[in-house]
Amino acid sequence: MSQAILLQDWFTVRGASSGDPVVQAFNDWADLGGYVDVIFYLDVSSFSGSPSVRYQTSPMLDESLFASMANVSVNSTGLTQTVIRYASASVPLRRWVRWRLDGASAYAVTFRIWMAVRPG
């Protein structure tokens, strides 16, 4: 049975360029130990520029170990669903999950992210 988890409540981010990524605050990273599959629901209420949201995962709380499971280009408002299944993912879900935002040029985006996770 899946469980719903709020990864990020409504939040507005402004970035200057691709050299200026914004990473979710450490205290808000999700501990998904014991789960194998995740569906991300990115809800965007406004945006400008070309922001991208990366869903990242790591087996430990070590910056150097985080890898991107998926990258979503924000090109409209509304809901975008991204499915990560352990059996077929090139980068499967590990214990810790966070988001990272960047863009090719200046950007702004207001969003929230829900997850549906399935234990394994």
C-alpha atoms as a PDB file:
ATOM      1  CA  MET A   1       0.000   0.000   0.000  1.00  0.00           C
ATOM      2  CA  SER A   2       1.410   3.399  -0.908  1.00  0.00           C
ATOM      3  CA  GLN A   3       1.770   6.368   1.397  1.00  0.00           C
ATOM      4  CA  ALA A   4       1.615  10.101   0.577  1.00  0.00           C
ATOM      5  CA  ILE A   5       4.493  12.303   1.775  1.00  0.00           C
ATOM      6  CA  LEU A   6       4.885  16.054   1.286  1.00  0.00           C
ATOM      7  CA  LEU A   7       8.456  16.654   0.118  1.00  0.00           C
ATOM      8  CA  GLN A   8       8.032  20.427  -0.266  1.00  0.00           C
ATOM      9  CA  ASP A   9       5.130  22.691   0.650  1.00  0.00           C
ATOM     10  CA  TRP A  10       4.445  25.761  -1.501  1.00  0.00           C
ATOM     11  CA  PHE A  11       7.745  27.530  -2.099  1.00  0.00           C
ATOM     12  CA  THR A  12       9.078  30.193  -4.499  1.00  0.00           C
ATOM     13  CA  VAL A  13      12.628  29.995  -5.822  1.00  0.00           C
ATOM     14  CA  ARG A  14      14.508  32.523  -7.943  1.00  0.00           C
ATOM     15  CA  GLY A  15      17.796  31.603  -9.582  1.00  0.00           C
ATOM     16  CA  ALA A  16      20.253  33.691 -11.560  1.00  0.00           C
ATOM     17  CA  SER A  17      21.746  31.099 -13.927  1.00  0.00           C
ATOM     18  CA  SER A  18      22.859  27.493 -14.358  1.00  0.00           C
ATOM     19  CA  GLY A  19      25.815  28.246 -12.090  1.00  0.00           C
ATOM     20  CA  ASP A  20      23.375  29.089  -9.292  1.00  0.00           C
ATOM     21  CA  PRO A  21      21.467  25.889  -8.368  1.00  0.00           C
ATOM     22  CA  VAL A  22      19.105  25.869  -5.384  1.00  0.00           C
ATOM     23  CA  VAL A  23      19.019  22.710  -3.256  1.00  0.00           C
ATOM     24  CA  GLN A  24      16.278  21.817  -0.793  1.00  0.00           C
ATOM     25  CA  ALA A  25      17.120  22.671   2.828  1.00  0.00           C
ATOM     26  CA  PHE A  26      18.867  19.810   4.643  1.00  0.00           C
ATOM     27  CA  ASN A  27      16.189  19.612   7.364  1.00  0.00           C
ATOM     28  CA  ASP A  28      13.527  18.941   4.706  1.00  0.00           C
ATOM     29  CA  TRP A  29      15.172  15.994   2.961  1.00  0.00           C
ATOM     30  CA  ALA A  30      12.942  12.913   3.085  1.00  0.00           C
ATOM     31  CA  ASP A  31      14.077   9.689   4.733  1.00  0.00           C
ATOM     32  CA  LEU A  32      12.600   6.980   2.509  1.00  0.00           C
ATOM     33  CA  GLY A  33      14.427   4.009   3.979  1.00  0.00           C
ATOM     34  CA  GLY A  34      12.274   0.917   3.469  1.00  0.00           C
ATOM     35  CA  TYR A  35      10.569   2.196   0.305  1.00  0.00           C
ATOM     36  CA  VAL A  36      11.353   0.994  -3.227  1.00  0.00           C
ATOM     37  CA  ASP A  37       9.122   2.942  -5.614  1.00  0.00           C
ATOM     38  CA  VAL A  38       8.188   6.616  -5.697  1.00  0.00           C
ATOM     39  CA  ILE A  39       5.889   8.806  -7.765  1.00  0.00           C
ATOM     40  CA  PHE A  40       6.647  12.525  -7.620  1.00  0.00           C
ATOM     41  CA  TYR A  41       3.830  15.029  -8.137  1.00  0.00           C
ATOM     42  CA  LEU A  42       5.243  18.456  -9.016  1.00  0.00           C
ATOM     43  CA  ASP A  43       2.546  21.127  -8.702  1.00  0.00           C
ATOM     44  CA  VAL A  44       3.592  24.436 -10.312  1.00  0.00           C
ATOM     45  CA  SER A  45       1.477  27.570  -9.806  1.00  0.00           C
ATOM     46  CA  SER A  46       3.763  30.035 -11.647  1.00  0.00           C
ATOM     47  CA  PHE A  47       7.136  30.152 -13.373  1.00  0.00           C
ATOM     48  CA  SER A  48       9.359  32.250 -15.613  1.00  0.00           C
ATOM     49  CA  GLY A  49      12.452  31.327 -17.577  1.00  0.00           C
ATOM     50  CA  SER A  50      13.299  27.645 -17.997  1.00  0.00           C
ATOM     51  CA  PRO A  51      13.692  26.056 -14.572  1.00  0.00           C
ATOM     52  CA  SER A  52      14.423  22.357 -14.130  1.00  0.00           C
ATOM     53  CA  VAL A  53      13.648  20.259 -11.070  1.00  0.00           C
ATOM     54  CA  ARG A  54      15.950  17.336 -10.324  1.00  0.00           C
ATOM     55  CA  TYR A  55      14.836  14.596  -7.946  1.00  0.00           C
ATOM     56  CA  GLN A  56      17.965  13.348  -6.217  1.00  0.00           C
ATOM     57  CA  THR A  57      18.672  10.384  -3.948  1.00  0.00           C
ATOM     58  CA  SER A  58      21.523   9.122  -1.785  1.00  0.00           C
ATOM     59  CA  PRO A  59      22.119   6.130   0.488  1.00  0.00           C
ATOM     60  CA  MET A  60      23.658   8.435   3.135  1.00  0.00           C
ATOM     61  CA  LEU A  61      23.634  12.088   4.170  1.00  0.00           C
ATOM     62  CA  ASP A  62      26.689  12.841   2.043  1.00  0.00           C
ATOM     63  CA  GLU A  63      26.540  15.571  -0.620  1.00  0.00           C
ATOM     64  CA  SER A  64      28.932  13.708  -2.906  1.00  0.00           C
ATOM     65  CA  LEU A  65      26.661  10.629  -3.046  1.00  0.00           C
ATOM     66  CA  PHE A  66      23.488  12.315  -4.313  1.00  0.00           C
ATOM     67  CA  ALA A  67      22.508  11.269  -7.853  1.00  0.00           C
ATOM     68  CA  SER A  68      19.616  12.451 -10.003  1.00  0.00           C
ATOM     69  CA  MET A  69      16.787   9.969 -10.487  1.00  0.00           C
ATOM     70  CA  ALA A  70      14.888  12.266 -12.851  1.00  0.00           C
ATOM     71  CA  ASN A  71      14.985  15.767 -14.307  1.00  0.00           C
ATOM     72  CA  VAL A  72      11.758  17.664 -15.058  1.00  0.00           C
ATOM     73  CA  SER A  73      11.779  20.782 -17.244  1.00  0.00           C
ATOM     74  CA  VAL A  74       9.115  23.215 -16.051  1.00  0.00           C
ATOM     75  CA  ASN A  75       7.287  24.508 -19.121  1.00  0.00           C
ATOM     76  CA  SER A  76       3.730  24.884 -17.847  1.00  0.00           C
ATOM     77  CA  THR A  77       1.709  25.344 -14.683  1.00  0.00           C
ATOM     78  CA  GLY A  78      -0.220  22.451 -13.209  1.00  0.00           C
ATOM     79  CA  LEU A  79       0.686  18.950 -12.123  1.00  0.00           C
ATOM     80  CA  THR A  80       3.518  16.802 -13.520  1.00  0.00           C
ATOM     81  CA  GLN A  81       3.884  13.163 -12.478  1.00  0.00           C
ATOM     82  CA  THR A  82       7.258  11.367 -12.502  1.00  0.00           C
ATOM     83  CA  VAL A  83       7.400   7.628 -11.742  1.00  0.00           C
ATOM     84  CA  ILE A  84      10.560   5.945 -10.396  1.00  0.00           C
ATOM     85  CA  ARG A  85      10.314   2.152 -10.142  1.00  0.00           C
ATOM     86  CA  TYR A  86      13.160   0.304  -8.480  1.00  0.00           C
ATOM     87  CA  ALA A  87      13.050  -2.546 -11.004  1.00  0.00           C
ATOM     88  CA  SER A  88      13.589  -0.304 -14.047  1.00  0.00           C
ATOM     89  CA  ALA A  89      15.253   2.906 -12.816  1.00  0.00           C
ATOM     90  CA  SER A  90      18.760   3.761 -14.006  1.00  0.00           C
ATOM     91  CA  VAL A  91      19.194   5.455 -10.595  1.00  0.00           C
ATOM     92  CA  PRO A  92      16.880   3.672  -8.137  1.00  0.00           C
ATOM     93  CA  LEU A  93      15.474   5.139  -4.953  1.00  0.00           C
ATOM     94  CA  ARG A  94      17.887   5.146  -2.011  1.00  0.00           C
ATOM     95  CA  ARG A  95      17.298   6.246   1.573  1.00  0.00           C
ATOM     96  CA  TRP A  96      17.451  10.063   1.248  1.00  0.00           C
ATOM     97  CA  VAL A  97      15.528  12.179  -1.282  1.00  0.00           C
ATOM     98  CA  ARG A  98      15.684  15.898  -2.055  1.00  0.00           C
ATOM     99  CA  TRP A  99      15.004  18.287  -4.922  1.00  0.00           C
ATOM    100  CA  ARG A 100      17.396  20.604  -6.749  1.00  0.00           C
ATOM    101  CA  LEU A 101      16.464  23.498  -9.046  1.00  0.00           C
ATOM    102  CA  ASP A 102      18.498  25.112 -11.780  1.00  0.00           C
ATOM    103  CA  GLY A 103      18.046  26.757 -15.160  1.00  0.00           C
ATOM    104  CA  ALA A 104      19.958  27.758 -18.282  1.00  0.00           C
ATOM    105  CA  SER A 105      19.269  31.422 -17.490  1.00  0.00           C
ATOM    106  CA  ALA A 106      17.474  33.456 -14.821  1.00  0.00           C
ATOM    107  CA  TYR A 107      14.319  31.714 -13.600  1.00  0.00           C
ATOM    108  CA  ALA A 108      11.609  31.761 -10.950  1.00  0.00           C
ATOM    109  CA  VAL A 109       9.139  29.066  -9.966  1.00  0.00           C
ATOM    110  CA  THR A 110       6.466  28.578  -7.293  1.00  0.00           C
ATOM    111  CA  PHE A 111       5.792  24.908  -6.600  1.00  0.00           C
ATOM    112  CA  ARG A 112       5.124  22.095  -4.168  1.00  0.00           C
ATOM    113  CA  ILE A 113       6.027  18.413  -4.384  1.00  0.00           C
ATOM    114  CA  TRP A 114       4.072  15.427  -3.104  1.00  0.00           C
ATOM    115  CA  MET A 115       5.305  11.858  -3.264  1.00  0.00           C
ATOM    116  CA  ALA A 116       3.491   8.541  -3.277  1.00  0.00           C
ATOM    117  CA  VAL A 117       5.874   5.875  -1.982  1.00  0.00           C
ATOM    118  CA  ARG A 118       5.585   2.086  -1.878  1.00  0.00           C
ATOM    119  CA  PRO A 119       7.395  -0.046   0.685  1.00  0.00           C
ATOM    120  CA  GLY A 120       9.515  -2.938  -0.491  1.00  0.00           C
END
